[in-house]
Amino acid sequence: MKISDLQAGMSGISLKAKVVDISEIRKVRTKYGPRRVADATLEDETGKIKLILWEKQIDSVSVGDTIEISGSFVTEFRNELQLNVPKSGKIEKI
């Protein structure tokens, strides 16, 4: 699937994209306790989307990596689409 095809509410998404930016890691409080989170900007030939990275996912990608994501879902936050990868999903460098 391509980034331009993504819409809020979609799930089971698989796509390939390049990591073009990663934000600073920040700590947030969740119902599971304090956790680390960062935002990665993904890009393919059709557009860009923010990928939300939690805990171990943060260390699994770097700027410049081309990655393949599977089992992800799309949400919308502050009028911006975001890609989320649950524990059952995968992020792999290719």
C-alpha atoms as a PDB file:
ATOM      1  CA  MET A   1       0.000   0.000   0.000  1.00  0.00           C
ATOM      2  CA  LYS A   2       1.124   3.592  -0.602  1.00  0.00           C
ATOM      3  CA  ILE A   3       1.052   6.448   1.920  1.00  0.00           C
ATOM      4  CA  SER A   4      -1.352   8.485  -0.224  1.00  0.00           C
ATOM      5  CA  ASP A   5      -3.920   5.640   0.040  1.00  0.00           C
ATOM      6  CA  LEU A   6      -4.053   5.712   3.853  1.00  0.00           C
ATOM      7  CA  GLN A   7      -7.133   6.955   5.700  1.00  0.00           C
ATOM      8  CA  ALA A   8      -8.018   7.177   9.396  1.00  0.00           C
ATOM      9  CA  GLY A   9      -9.550   3.965  10.716  1.00  0.00           C
ATOM     10  CA  MET A  10      -7.746   1.616   8.325  1.00  0.00           C
ATOM     11  CA  SER A  11      -6.050  -1.435   9.853  1.00  0.00           C
ATOM     12  CA  GLY A  12      -3.962  -4.379   8.739  1.00  0.00           C
ATOM     13  CA  ILE A  13      -1.765  -1.995   6.755  1.00  0.00           C
ATOM     14  CA  SER A  14       1.484  -3.150   5.144  1.00  0.00           C
ATOM     15  CA  LEU A  15       3.803  -0.718   3.385  1.00  0.00           C
ATOM     16  CA  LYS A  16       7.408   0.100   2.537  1.00  0.00           C
ATOM     17  CA  ALA A  17       8.795   3.580   3.163  1.00  0.00           C
ATOM     18  CA  LYS A  18      11.958   5.503   4.006  1.00  0.00           C
ATOM     19  CA  VAL A  19      12.560   7.030   7.448  1.00  0.00           C
ATOM     20  CA  VAL A  20      13.367  10.703   6.772  1.00  0.00           C
ATOM     21  CA  ASP A  21      13.196  12.089  10.322  1.00  0.00           C
ATOM     22  CA  ILE A  22      12.886  10.952  13.947  1.00  0.00           C
ATOM     23  CA  SER A  23      11.822  13.303  16.737  1.00  0.00           C
ATOM     24  CA  GLU A  24      13.363  13.580  20.173  1.00  0.00           C
ATOM     25  CA  ILE A  25      12.301  10.802  22.537  1.00  0.00           C
ATOM     26  CA  ARG A  26       9.786  11.963  25.108  1.00  0.00           C
ATOM     27  CA  LYS A  27       8.349  10.300  28.191  1.00  0.00           C
ATOM     28  CA  VAL A  28       4.578  10.049  28.551  1.00  0.00           C
ATOM     29  CA  ARG A  29       2.332   8.594  31.206  1.00  0.00           C
ATOM     30  CA  THR A  30       0.006   5.849  29.996  1.00  0.00           C
ATOM     31  CA  LYS A  31      -2.361   3.483  31.730  1.00  0.00           C
ATOM     32  CA  TYR A  32       0.565   1.029  31.637  1.00  0.00           C
ATOM     33  CA  GLY A  33       2.882   3.491  33.425  1.00  0.00           C
ATOM     34  CA  PRO A  34       5.577   5.818  32.056  1.00  0.00           C
ATOM     35  CA  ARG A  35       6.736   4.995  28.526  1.00  0.00           C
ATOM     36  CA  ARG A  36       9.109   6.396  25.902  1.00  0.00           C
ATOM     37  CA  VAL A  37       7.680   7.556  22.590  1.00  0.00           C
ATOM     38  CA  ALA A  38       9.058   9.203  19.432  1.00  0.00           C
ATOM     39  CA  ASP A  39       7.648  10.146  16.038  1.00  0.00           C
ATOM     40  CA  ALA A  40       9.300   9.039  12.808  1.00  0.00           C
ATOM     41  CA  THR A  41       8.415  10.665   9.500  1.00  0.00           C
ATOM     42  CA  LEU A  42       8.026   8.093   6.728  1.00  0.00           C
ATOM     43  CA  GLU A  43       8.102   8.939   3.042  1.00  0.00           C
ATOM     44  CA  ASP A  44       7.400   7.087  -0.173  1.00  0.00           C
ATOM     45  CA  GLU A  45       6.887   8.386  -3.713  1.00  0.00           C
ATOM     46  CA  THR A  46       3.276   9.339  -2.888  1.00  0.00           C
ATOM     47  CA  GLY A  47       3.648  11.283   0.368  1.00  0.00           C
ATOM     48  CA  LYS A  48       4.643  11.413   4.040  1.00  0.00           C
ATOM     49  CA  ILE A  49       3.095  10.119   7.271  1.00  0.00           C
ATOM     50  CA  LYS A  50       4.071  10.122  10.920  1.00  0.00           C
ATOM     51  CA  LEU A  51       4.899   6.729  12.462  1.00  0.00           C
ATOM     52  CA  ILE A  52       4.499   6.525  16.238  1.00  0.00           C
ATOM     53  CA  LEU A  53       7.340   4.544  17.829  1.00  0.00           C
ATOM     54  CA  TRP A  54       7.071   3.124  21.363  1.00  0.00           C
ATOM     55  CA  GLU A  55       9.867   1.804  23.584  1.00  0.00           C
ATOM     56  CA  LYS A  56      11.921  -0.857  21.694  1.00  0.00           C
ATOM     57  CA  GLN A  57      10.520   0.292  18.342  1.00  0.00           C
ATOM     58  CA  ILE A  58      12.419   3.592  18.766  1.00  0.00           C
ATOM     59  CA  ASP A  59      15.790   1.842  18.682  1.00  0.00           C
ATOM     60  CA  SER A  60      14.848  -0.418  15.769  1.00  0.00           C
ATOM     61  CA  VAL A  61      14.936   2.302  13.083  1.00  0.00           C
ATOM     62  CA  SER A  62      17.253   5.137  12.063  1.00  0.00           C
ATOM     63  CA  VAL A  63      17.009   8.086   9.681  1.00  0.00           C
ATOM     64  CA  GLY A  64      17.795   6.830   6.170  1.00  0.00           C
ATOM     65  CA  ASP A  65      16.489   3.301   6.755  1.00  0.00           C
ATOM     66  CA  THR A  66      13.996   1.812   4.344  1.00  0.00           C
ATOM     67  CA  ILE A  67      11.531  -0.190   6.387  1.00  0.00           C
ATOM     68  CA  GLU A  68       8.669  -2.563   5.814  1.00  0.00           C
ATOM     69  CA  ILE A  69       5.733  -2.324   8.191  1.00  0.00           C
ATOM     70  CA  SER A  70       3.003  -4.924   8.586  1.00  0.00           C
ATOM     71  CA  GLY A  71      -0.045  -5.185  10.815  1.00  0.00           C
ATOM     72  CA  SER A  72      -0.287  -1.433  11.399  1.00  0.00           C
ATOM     73  CA  PHE A  73      -3.308   0.852  11.737  1.00  0.00           C
ATOM     74  CA  VAL A  74      -4.042   4.508  10.972  1.00  0.00           C
ATOM     75  CA  THR A  75      -5.326   7.082  13.466  1.00  0.00           C
ATOM     76  CA  GLU A  76      -5.837  10.812  13.248  1.00  0.00           C
ATOM     77  CA  PHE A  77      -4.462  13.229  15.852  1.00  0.00           C
ATOM     78  CA  ARG A  78      -4.780  17.018  15.528  1.00  0.00           C
ATOM     79  CA  ASN A  79      -5.915  16.641  11.899  1.00  0.00           C
ATOM     80  CA  GLU A  80      -2.826  14.622  10.999  1.00  0.00           C
ATOM     81  CA  LEU A  81      -2.773  10.948  10.013  1.00  0.00           C
ATOM     82  CA  GLN A  82      -0.516   8.703  12.075  1.00  0.00           C
ATOM     83  CA  LEU A  83       0.635   5.143  11.533  1.00  0.00           C
ATOM     84  CA  ASN A  84       0.723   2.903  14.620  1.00  0.00           C
ATOM     85  CA  VAL A  85       2.299  -0.548  14.914  1.00  0.00           C
ATOM     86  CA  PRO A  86       0.901  -2.663  17.781  1.00  0.00           C
ATOM     87  CA  LYS A  87       2.857  -5.447  19.481  1.00  0.00           C
ATOM     88  CA  SER A  88       1.329  -7.892  16.997  1.00  0.00           C
ATOM     89  CA  GLY A  89       2.701  -5.851  14.059  1.00  0.00           C
ATOM     90  CA  LYS A  90       6.221  -5.711  12.620  1.00  0.00           C
ATOM     91  CA  ILE A  91       8.780  -3.093  11.660  1.00  0.00           C
ATOM     92  CA  GLU A  92      11.654  -4.509   9.604  1.00  0.00           C
ATOM     93  CA  LYS A  93      14.634  -2.838   7.918  1.00  0.00           C
ATOM     94  CA  ILE A  94      15.020  -3.833   4.287  1.00  0.00           C
END
